[in-house]
Amino acid sequence: MVCPNSMRTIPKSVCFHSELHLSTFGYGKEFLMAVILHQKQHKSICKMKRVIQSVLMMLLVVCSLAAQEIARVEYKEFDSKNFPFKRPFLIFTPEEYDTNVNSDYDVIYVFDAQWYSRFGLVHNLLHYGCQEEATPNEEDHPYIVVGIPSPYVPEYNYERNCDFYSLPVNTPIPEGRSEEFFCAPKFKKFLKEELMPYIDSNYRTTGHTLAVGHSLSASFILDALETEDMFDDYIVLSPNLCWDNDLWADRLINFNFNDGKPRYFFFNMANECEDTGWGPEWRPAYDKVRNHFESTALPSNIVMKFNESPQYSHNPSYQPVIIDALKDYCIYRLTHNHEPVTEEAYPVHIELKGKLLSGDVYITGNQDALANWNPMGVKMNQINDSTYTIDINLRLPAEYKFTQGTWEHQPFPKSTVPGNLRIADPNKTVIYHETD
């Protein structure tokens, strides 16, 4: 595979990394390189964009007619107050999203989605393979997946790397660059103040997020942790941590992980330097981070895994490693983060209706107020022959199920994803469920 990555002609100590590579995988090259446009396609860029948008709009019409019994991908553009050009993004919603109206979904944010294969691999592998292999005896856990392209916009002299770099604090600005190039602070504001609130307001989300980045976008999501604490979990593939005299490495090492917030990290480093010709600073910065955390006792709420794939070079490592990372993450989500984290308890009214319900109905779940998964948990109030209610104060996130005294007798609510029912939003104060 041709990988036209390059280091700019600057002092090695600066380690300024520029990536202009093509699609990581062949099947994505023709289709999604045009979503945001490759940097060499100057003349045909606008025409290709119109064609791709037209195709995507046609696909959206077909999907809407099917009422989303199948999964779908939407292409949208955001008029950002932080940028003079539209910011495109992609949204994958899983099959039966429109049917399971009583279920909320974790959100995965995939960076560098201008190479569609990055985004496509995550949502396809996650829902069609990785979960089945990692947790074969469990129900699949569907996700909303958001692809965030970093565009080339020639009329504003804007390129992909502008999204990921902030002004250096330890070294001079690299030769040939101006302060206007370093737009990571604007990109963070766009994500935190515009895109993520839009997703949470227009889609049914739990508030739990995973960020997936590769190379500079992997460096960026760590930077977003260190400055904004923007995401909950992180898949960090081949990060450049040597920028600005190891600034990103040092900030991660010094980050305070003692705040009690559960966090997951999956790191991978491929055979970066030998195959790319990049400077020797790349690997030592990563090793410094790895050696620190492997020799440090982390709080129990932090899961941090380091992986190596020396058999692959920088770009080809993405496909095999993202499979391993997603499998590991599926196991993590199945076995972690099921306890409430808020100290405050929030009032909620829960109602269950069912024509075939009779006798006592209980609610049980992940905290004392829900009897800690005792199947004969908290008895609900029977309002009439088919309606049971309870008013209760719960810490969040709250997970619960309904029983009739034993696990063998559970009323399963309709229009929900199989598994535990979940409340993560304190503003969600009234919840209705219906069963047979």
Protein backbone atom coordinates (compact mmCIF):
# COMPACT_ATOMS: atom_id res chain seq x y z
CA MET A 1 0.00 0.00 0.00
CA VAL A 2 1.27 3.45 -0.90
CA CYS A 3 1.38 5.70 2.11
CA PRO A 4 2.28 9.27 1.16
CA ASN A 5 2.69 10.43 4.75
CA SER A 6 5.47 12.89 5.23
CA MET A 7 7.40 14.80 7.84
CA ARG A 8 7.82 18.46 7.00
CA THR A 9 11.34 19.85 6.78
CA ILE A 10 11.67 21.19 10.30
CA PRO A 11 13.90 20.41 13.29
CA LYS A 12 13.39 16.85 14.50
CA SER A 13 12.82 18.01 18.06
CA VAL A 14 9.58 19.65 16.96
CA CYS A 15 8.26 16.37 15.55
CA PHE A 16 5.62 18.10 13.44
CA HIS A 17 3.59 15.33 11.83
CA SER A 18 1.72 15.78 8.57
CA GLU A 19 -0.52 13.09 7.09
CA LEU A 20 -1.82 13.17 3.54
CA HIS A 21 -2.42 9.46 3.14
CA LEU A 22 -5.10 7.88 1.02
CA SER A 23 -7.85 5.65 2.33
CA THR A 24 -6.55 2.99 4.65
CA PHE A 25 -8.46 0.25 2.86
CA GLY A 26 -9.17 -0.23 -0.80
CA TYR A 27 -12.90 -0.70 -0.60
CA GLY A 28 -13.43 2.73 0.96
CA LYS A 29 -11.26 4.66 -1.49
CA GLU A 30 -13.77 5.35 -4.27
CA PHE A 31 -16.82 5.88 -2.08
CA LEU A 32 -15.84 7.99 0.89
CA MET A 33 -12.67 9.72 0.00
CA ALA A 34 -15.08 12.17 -1.58
CA VAL A 35 -17.15 12.79 1.55
CA ILE A 36 -14.69 15.42 2.55
CA LEU A 37 -12.31 15.20 -0.31
CA HIS A 38 -8.71 14.20 -0.58
CA GLN A 39 -6.20 16.98 -0.62
CA LYS A 40 -4.95 16.23 -4.13
CA GLN A 41 -8.37 16.44 -5.79
CA HIS A 42 -8.36 20.22 -6.12
CA LYS A 43 -10.17 20.58 -9.44
CA SER A 44 -12.88 17.95 -9.08
CA ILE A 45 -13.58 18.52 -5.41
CA CYS A 46 -16.90 20.40 -5.64
CA LYS A 47 -18.35 18.17 -8.34
CA MET A 48 -17.48 14.99 -6.43
CA LYS A 49 -18.99 16.40 -3.24
CA ARG A 50 -22.29 17.13 -5.00
CA VAL A 51 -22.38 13.62 -6.44
CA ILE A 52 -21.71 11.97 -3.09
CA GLN A 53 -24.29 14.13 -1.32
CA SER A 54 -26.88 13.24 -3.96
CA VAL A 55 -26.18 9.53 -3.55
CA LEU A 56 -26.40 9.78 0.22
CA MET A 57 -29.69 11.68 0.02
CA MET A 58 -31.12 8.95 -2.20
CA LEU A 59 -30.02 6.36 0.34
CA LEU A 60 -31.67 8.33 3.12
CA VAL A 61 -34.97 8.38 1.26
CA VAL A 62 -34.85 4.62 0.78
CA CYS A 63 -34.02 4.08 4.44
CA SER A 64 -36.81 6.36 5.65
CA LEU A 65 -39.33 4.51 3.51
CA ALA A 66 -38.30 1.31 5.24
CA ALA A 67 -39.00 2.92 8.65
CA GLN A 68 -35.52 1.89 9.63
CA GLU A 69 -35.95 -1.79 10.11
CA ILE A 70 -32.38 -1.75 8.85
CA ALA A 71 -29.47 0.37 10.03
CA ARG A 72 -28.81 3.67 8.30
CA VAL A 73 -26.15 6.32 7.80
CA GLU A 74 -27.09 9.98 7.54
CA TYR A 75 -24.88 12.70 6.06
CA LYS A 76 -25.38 16.14 7.59
CA GLU A 77 -23.64 19.50 7.66
CA PHE A 78 -23.36 21.90 10.58
CA ASP A 79 -23.24 25.68 10.27
CA SER A 80 -20.64 26.12 12.98
CA LYS A 81 -20.08 29.43 14.71
CA ASN A 82 -16.44 28.37 15.14
CA PHE A 83 -15.62 27.88 11.44
CA PRO A 84 -16.32 29.89 8.28
CA PHE A 85 -17.27 26.71 6.40
CA LYS A 86 -19.81 23.96 6.98
CA ARG A 87 -18.68 21.02 9.11
CA PRO A 88 -19.98 17.70 7.73
CA PHE A 89 -20.62 14.65 9.88
CA LEU A 90 -22.04 11.15 9.53
CA ILE A 91 -24.50 9.44 11.87
CA PHE A 92 -25.04 5.69 12.01
CA THR A 93 -28.15 4.51 13.84
CA PRO A 94 -28.56 0.75 14.37
CA GLU A 95 -31.39 -1.38 13.07
CA GLU A 96 -34.73 -0.92 14.85
CA TYR A 97 -33.59 2.39 16.32
CA ASP A 98 -36.96 3.89 15.31
CA THR A 99 -38.80 0.91 16.76
CA ASN A 100 -37.02 0.68 20.12
CA VAL A 101 -38.24 4.11 21.18
CA ASN A 102 -37.81 3.36 24.89
CA SER A 103 -34.09 2.62 24.59
CA ASP A 104 -31.18 5.05 24.73
CA TYR A 105 -27.81 4.43 23.09
CA ASP A 106 -24.16 5.02 23.88
CA VAL A 107 -22.43 7.16 21.24
CA ILE A 108 -19.11 6.41 19.56
CA TYR A 109 -17.30 9.33 17.94
CA VAL A 110 -14.97 8.23 15.13
CA PHE A 111 -12.44 10.82 13.99
CA ASP A 112 -10.83 11.08 10.54
CA ALA A 113 -14.12 10.05 8.94
CA GLN A 114 -13.11 11.82 5.72
CA TRP A 115 -11.67 8.36 5.09
CA TYR A 116 -15.00 6.57 5.24
CA SER A 117 -13.45 3.19 5.87
CA ARG A 118 -12.46 4.34 9.38
CA PHE A 119 -16.06 5.17 10.23
CA GLY A 120 -17.51 2.25 8.28
CA LEU A 121 -15.27 -0.31 9.91
CA VAL A 122 -16.26 0.78 13.40
CA HIS A 123 -20.02 0.66 12.97
CA ASN A 124 -19.96 -2.47 10.81
CA LEU A 125 -17.56 -4.52 12.91
CA LEU A 126 -19.18 -3.44 16.15
CA HIS A 127 -22.65 -4.56 15.12
CA TYR A 128 -21.78 -7.49 12.86
CA GLY A 129 -19.03 -9.56 14.38
CA CYS A 130 -17.07 -8.08 17.26
CA GLN A 131 -19.79 -8.34 19.88
CA GLU A 132 -20.76 -11.86 18.86
CA GLU A 133 -17.16 -13.05 19.18
CA ALA A 134 -16.31 -11.12 22.34
CA THR A 135 -19.53 -11.80 24.26
CA PRO A 136 -21.16 -14.81 22.52
CA ASN A 137 -23.66 -15.54 25.29
CA GLU A 138 -24.95 -11.99 25.65
CA GLU A 139 -27.37 -9.80 23.75
CA ASP A 140 -25.74 -7.32 21.38
CA HIS A 141 -25.38 -3.78 22.70
CA PRO A 142 -26.23 -1.41 19.81
CA TYR A 143 -24.55 1.98 19.47
CA ILE A 144 -25.00 5.25 17.66
CA VAL A 145 -21.79 5.98 15.75
CA VAL A 146 -20.87 9.50 14.66
CA GLY A 147 -18.19 10.03 12.01
CA ILE A 148 -16.32 13.33 12.21
CA PRO A 149 -14.41 14.27 9.05
CA SER A 150 -11.52 16.70 9.12
CA PRO A 151 -11.85 18.42 5.76
CA TYR A 152 -9.59 19.95 3.20
CA VAL A 153 -11.07 23.37 2.38
CA PRO A 154 -8.71 25.09 -0.06
CA GLU A 155 -10.53 28.42 -0.13
CA TYR A 156 -9.74 28.82 3.57
CA ASN A 157 -6.31 27.19 3.39
CA TYR A 158 -7.64 24.58 5.81
CA GLU A 159 -6.42 20.99 5.98
CA ARG A 160 -6.99 17.96 8.13
CA ASN A 161 -4.13 18.64 10.55
CA CYS A 162 -5.52 22.07 11.46
CA ASP A 163 -8.19 20.29 13.54
CA PHE A 164 -5.67 18.47 15.69
CA TYR A 165 -2.88 20.90 16.54
CA SER A 166 -2.85 23.64 19.17
CA LEU A 167 -0.18 26.30 19.35
CA PRO A 168 3.03 24.80 20.78
CA VAL A 169 4.00 25.88 24.28
CA ASN A 170 7.48 24.32 24.54
CA THR A 171 8.86 24.92 21.05
CA PRO A 172 8.66 27.61 18.35
CA ILE A 173 5.94 27.54 15.73
CA PRO A 174 7.22 25.26 12.93
CA GLU A 175 8.69 26.97 9.92
CA GLY A 176 6.13 27.74 7.26
CA ARG A 177 3.19 27.77 9.68
CA SER A 178 1.22 30.69 11.09
CA GLU A 179 -0.89 30.87 14.23
CA GLU A 180 -4.03 30.46 12.10
CA PHE A 181 -3.03 26.86 11.32
CA PHE A 182 -3.48 25.68 14.92
CA CYS A 183 -7.25 25.25 15.21
CA ALA A 184 -7.59 22.46 17.79
CA PRO A 185 -9.15 24.85 20.38
CA LYS A 186 -11.83 25.82 17.84
CA PHE A 187 -12.38 22.17 16.95
CA LYS A 188 -12.85 21.29 20.62
CA LYS A 189 -15.41 24.07 21.01
CA PHE A 190 -17.24 22.84 17.93
CA LEU A 191 -17.40 19.33 19.38
CA LYS A 192 -18.27 20.24 22.95
CA GLU A 193 -20.61 23.18 22.35
CA GLU A 194 -22.20 22.33 19.02
CA LEU A 195 -21.92 18.80 17.63
CA MET A 196 -22.21 16.73 20.81
CA PRO A 197 -25.16 18.74 22.19
CA TYR A 198 -26.84 18.39 18.80
CA ILE A 199 -26.45 14.60 18.90
CA ASP A 200 -27.75 14.40 22.47
CA SER A 201 -30.72 16.65 21.65
CA ASN A 202 -31.77 14.95 18.43
CA TYR A 203 -31.02 11.30 19.18
CA ARG A 204 -31.77 9.07 22.15
CA THR A 205 -28.41 8.89 23.89
CA THR A 206 -27.29 7.67 27.30
CA GLY A 207 -24.64 10.34 27.65
CA HIS A 208 -21.88 7.71 27.60
CA THR A 209 -19.26 8.25 24.89
CA LEU A 210 -16.31 6.48 23.27
CA ALA A 211 -13.79 8.33 21.07
CA VAL A 212 -11.82 6.49 18.37
CA GLY A 213 -8.75 8.15 16.88
CA HIS A 214 -5.75 7.15 14.80
CA SER A 215 -2.41 8.96 14.56
CA LEU A 216 -2.98 12.71 14.99
CA SER A 217 -6.66 12.24 15.76
CA ALA A 218 -5.60 9.78 18.47
CA SER A 219 -3.30 12.45 19.85
CA PHE A 220 -6.19 14.92 19.69
CA ILE A 221 -8.64 12.84 21.71
CA LEU A 222 -6.02 12.53 24.45
CA ASP A 223 -5.54 16.28 24.27
CA ALA A 224 -9.32 16.66 24.59
CA LEU A 225 -9.19 14.48 27.72
CA GLU A 226 -6.45 16.60 29.22
CA THR A 227 -8.08 19.97 28.50
CA GLU A 228 -11.82 19.29 28.30
CA ASP A 229 -12.46 15.79 29.73
CA MET A 230 -14.65 15.43 26.67
CA PHE A 231 -15.27 11.68 26.41
CA ASP A 232 -15.67 8.71 28.75
CA ASP A 233 -13.67 6.05 26.90
CA TYR A 234 -10.83 6.14 24.38
CA ILE A 235 -9.44 3.92 21.63
CA VAL A 236 -6.05 5.45 20.85
CA LEU A 237 -4.29 3.97 17.82
CA SER A 238 -0.74 4.98 16.84
CA PRO A 239 -0.79 8.35 18.62
CA ASN A 240 1.87 10.98 18.03
CA LEU A 241 2.83 11.96 21.59
CA CYS A 242 6.16 13.62 20.85
CA TRP A 243 4.74 16.89 19.51
CA ASP A 244 6.01 20.00 21.29
CA ASN A 245 8.69 18.18 23.31
CA ASP A 246 6.36 15.40 24.49
CA LEU A 247 3.64 17.82 25.61
CA TRP A 248 0.78 15.36 25.08
CA ALA A 249 2.68 12.52 26.74
CA ASP A 250 3.53 14.60 29.80
CA ARG A 251 -0.02 15.92 30.18
CA LEU A 252 -1.44 12.42 30.08
CA ILE A 253 1.06 11.20 32.67
CA ASN A 254 0.11 14.08 34.96
CA PHE A 255 -3.65 13.81 34.46
CA ASN A 256 -5.67 13.34 37.65
CA PHE A 257 -7.44 10.00 37.40
CA ASN A 258 -8.61 10.12 41.02
CA ASP A 259 -11.93 11.85 40.37
CA GLY A 260 -13.90 8.59 40.53
CA LYS A 261 -15.08 8.74 36.92
CA PRO A 262 -14.88 5.37 35.14
CA ARG A 263 -12.66 5.52 32.06
CA TYR A 264 -11.41 2.99 29.52
CA PHE A 265 -8.30 3.30 27.33
CA PHE A 266 -7.06 1.00 24.58
CA PHE A 267 -3.66 2.03 23.20
CA ASN A 268 -1.87 0.51 20.24
CA MET A 269 1.47 1.24 18.61
CA ALA A 270 2.38 -0.27 15.25
CA ASN A 271 5.73 -0.33 13.46
CA GLU A 272 5.61 3.43 13.04
CA CYS A 273 9.13 4.76 12.58
CA GLU A 274 10.86 2.11 10.47
CA ASP A 275 8.16 1.94 7.81
CA THR A 276 7.44 5.65 7.62
CA GLY A 277 10.82 7.24 8.10
CA TRP A 278 9.54 9.44 10.90
CA GLY A 279 11.92 10.75 13.53
CA PRO A 280 13.14 8.70 16.49
CA GLU A 281 11.16 10.81 18.98
CA TRP A 282 7.88 9.08 18.07
CA ARG A 283 8.47 5.81 19.90
CA PRO A 284 10.17 7.05 23.10
CA ALA A 285 7.29 9.42 23.84
CA TYR A 286 4.81 6.54 23.63
CA ASP A 287 7.07 4.26 25.68
CA LYS A 288 7.30 6.92 28.36
CA VAL A 289 3.52 6.89 28.71
CA ARG A 290 3.28 3.12 28.62
CA ASN A 291 6.08 2.57 31.15
CA HIS A 292 4.56 5.10 33.51
CA PHE A 293 1.08 3.62 33.58
CA GLU A 294 2.22 0.00 33.62
CA SER A 295 4.27 0.76 36.73
CA THR A 296 1.63 2.93 38.42
CA ALA A 297 -1.28 1.71 40.52
CA LEU A 298 -4.32 3.24 38.87
CA PRO A 299 -7.68 3.66 40.62
CA SER A 300 -10.09 0.77 40.16
CA ASN A 301 -12.33 2.93 37.97
CA ILE A 302 -9.60 3.19 35.29
CA VAL A 303 -9.04 0.43 32.74
CA MET A 304 -5.95 1.05 30.59
CA LYS A 305 -4.62 -1.47 28.08
CA PHE A 306 -1.51 -1.24 25.91
CA ASN A 307 -1.21 -3.29 22.75
CA GLU A 308 1.57 -3.74 20.17
CA SER A 309 1.28 -4.62 16.48
CA PRO A 310 4.88 -4.52 15.14
CA GLN A 311 3.90 -6.67 12.15
CA TYR A 312 1.93 -3.73 10.70
CA SER A 313 3.00 -0.27 9.62
CA HIS A 314 1.20 2.94 10.46
CA ASN A 315 -1.87 2.86 8.20
CA PRO A 316 -2.37 -0.89 7.59
CA SER A 317 -2.51 -1.44 11.35
CA TYR A 318 -5.92 0.23 11.61
CA GLN A 319 -8.06 -2.63 10.31
CA PRO A 320 -6.70 -5.54 12.39
CA VAL A 321 -6.20 -3.47 15.52
CA ILE A 322 -9.64 -1.84 15.54
CA ILE A 323 -11.10 -5.35 15.57
CA ASP A 324 -9.12 -6.23 18.71
CA ALA A 325 -9.95 -2.89 20.30
CA LEU A 326 -13.70 -3.16 19.70
CA LYS A 327 -13.82 -6.74 20.99
CA ASP A 328 -12.07 -5.66 24.16
CA TYR A 329 -14.37 -2.68 24.52
CA CYS A 330 -17.47 -4.88 24.18
CA ILE A 331 -16.24 -7.00 27.08
CA TYR A 332 -15.51 -3.87 29.09
CA ARG A 333 -19.00 -2.44 28.56
CA LEU A 334 -20.53 -5.76 29.54
CA THR A 335 -18.55 -6.06 32.78
CA HIS A 336 -17.95 -2.42 33.84
CA ASN A 337 -19.80 0.84 34.35
CA HIS A 338 -22.97 -0.70 35.70
CA GLU A 339 -22.84 1.08 39.04
CA PRO A 340 -24.29 4.55 39.64
CA VAL A 341 -21.75 7.34 39.81
CA THR A 342 -23.81 10.33 40.97
CA GLU A 343 -23.99 11.07 44.67
CA GLU A 344 -27.32 12.81 44.23
CA ALA A 345 -30.49 10.77 43.72
CA TYR A 346 -33.03 11.99 41.18
CA PRO A 347 -36.82 11.48 41.36
CA VAL A 348 -38.36 9.34 38.64
CA HIS A 349 -41.82 7.94 37.97
CA ILE A 350 -41.81 4.51 36.29
CA GLU A 351 -44.94 2.89 34.90
CA LEU A 352 -45.47 -0.59 33.44
CA LYS A 353 -48.63 -1.59 31.56
CA GLY A 354 -49.58 -5.02 30.26
CA LYS A 355 -52.87 -6.77 29.56
CA LEU A 356 -51.48 -10.10 30.72
CA LEU A 357 -49.94 -8.78 33.94
CA SER A 358 -51.34 -10.20 37.16
CA GLY A 359 -50.22 -10.56 40.74
CA ASP A 360 -47.25 -8.71 42.19
CA VAL A 361 -44.70 -6.93 40.01
CA TYR A 362 -41.26 -5.91 41.28
CA ILE A 363 -38.53 -3.61 40.03
CA THR A 364 -34.90 -4.37 40.82
CA GLY A 365 -31.58 -2.95 39.74
CA ASN A 366 -28.09 -1.66 40.38
CA GLN A 367 -28.41 0.17 43.72
CA ASP A 368 -29.87 -0.02 47.20
CA ALA A 369 -33.03 1.81 46.17
CA LEU A 370 -33.60 -1.00 43.63
CA ALA A 371 -32.72 -3.87 45.99
CA ASN A 372 -29.38 -4.58 44.26
CA TRP A 373 -30.71 -7.07 41.71
CA ASN A 374 -32.78 -9.10 44.15
CA PRO A 375 -35.51 -10.54 41.89
CA MET A 376 -38.04 -9.98 44.64
CA GLY A 377 -36.93 -6.38 44.84
CA VAL A 378 -39.10 -3.31 45.30
CA LYS A 379 -42.81 -3.98 44.95
CA MET A 380 -44.60 -1.70 42.50
CA ASN A 381 -48.01 -0.18 43.17
CA GLN A 382 -50.86 -1.81 41.28
CA ILE A 383 -53.14 0.94 39.94
CA ASN A 384 -55.56 -1.34 38.07
CA ASP A 385 -55.62 -4.77 36.43
CA SER A 386 -52.97 -3.80 33.87
CA THR A 387 -50.98 -0.89 35.32
CA TYR A 388 -48.17 -0.81 37.90
CA THR A 389 -46.26 2.30 38.99
CA ILE A 390 -43.53 3.42 41.34
CA ASP A 391 -42.11 6.80 42.35
CA ILE A 392 -38.51 6.43 43.42
CA ASN A 393 -35.28 8.39 43.84
CA LEU A 394 -32.38 6.90 41.89
CA ARG A 395 -28.68 7.58 41.49
CA LEU A 396 -27.52 7.62 37.89
CA PRO A 397 -26.97 5.79 35.73
CA ALA A 398 -29.71 3.52 37.00
CA GLU A 399 -30.17 0.06 35.51
CA TYR A 400 -33.22 -2.04 36.25
CA LYS A 401 -35.53 -4.87 35.25
CA PHE A 402 -39.06 -5.94 36.10
CA THR A 403 -39.85 -9.33 37.66
CA GLN A 404 -42.76 -11.15 39.20
CA GLY A 405 -40.64 -12.46 42.03
CA THR A 406 -38.11 -14.64 40.18
CA TRP A 407 -35.75 -14.28 37.23
CA GLU A 408 -37.76 -16.96 35.44
CA HIS A 409 -40.78 -14.65 35.43
CA GLN A 410 -39.87 -11.31 33.89
CA PRO A 411 -42.22 -8.97 32.03
CA PHE A 412 -40.19 -7.82 29.02
CA PRO A 413 -41.06 -4.27 27.90
CA LYS A 414 -41.80 -3.67 24.24
CA SER A 415 -39.90 -1.20 22.07
CA THR A 416 -36.66 -1.66 23.98
CA VAL A 417 -33.29 -3.20 23.27
CA PRO A 418 -32.92 -6.54 25.14
CA GLY A 419 -31.01 -6.33 28.40
CA ASN A 420 -31.05 -3.98 31.35
CA LEU A 421 -33.23 -0.90 31.14
CA ARG A 422 -31.22 2.24 31.80
CA ILE A 423 -31.73 5.82 32.97
CA ALA A 424 -28.81 8.21 32.55
CA ASP A 425 -30.49 11.59 32.04
CA PRO A 426 -31.60 13.41 35.23
CA ASN A 427 -34.20 15.25 33.16
CA LYS A 428 -35.89 11.99 32.25
CA THR A 429 -38.33 11.97 35.17
CA VAL A 430 -41.27 10.00 33.75
CA ILE A 431 -40.80 6.63 32.03
CA TYR A 432 -43.53 4.47 30.53
CA HIS A 433 -43.12 0.82 29.57
CA GLU A 434 -45.59 -1.54 27.96
CA THR A 435 -45.53 -5.34 27.92
CA ASP A 436 -47.88 -8.09 26.80
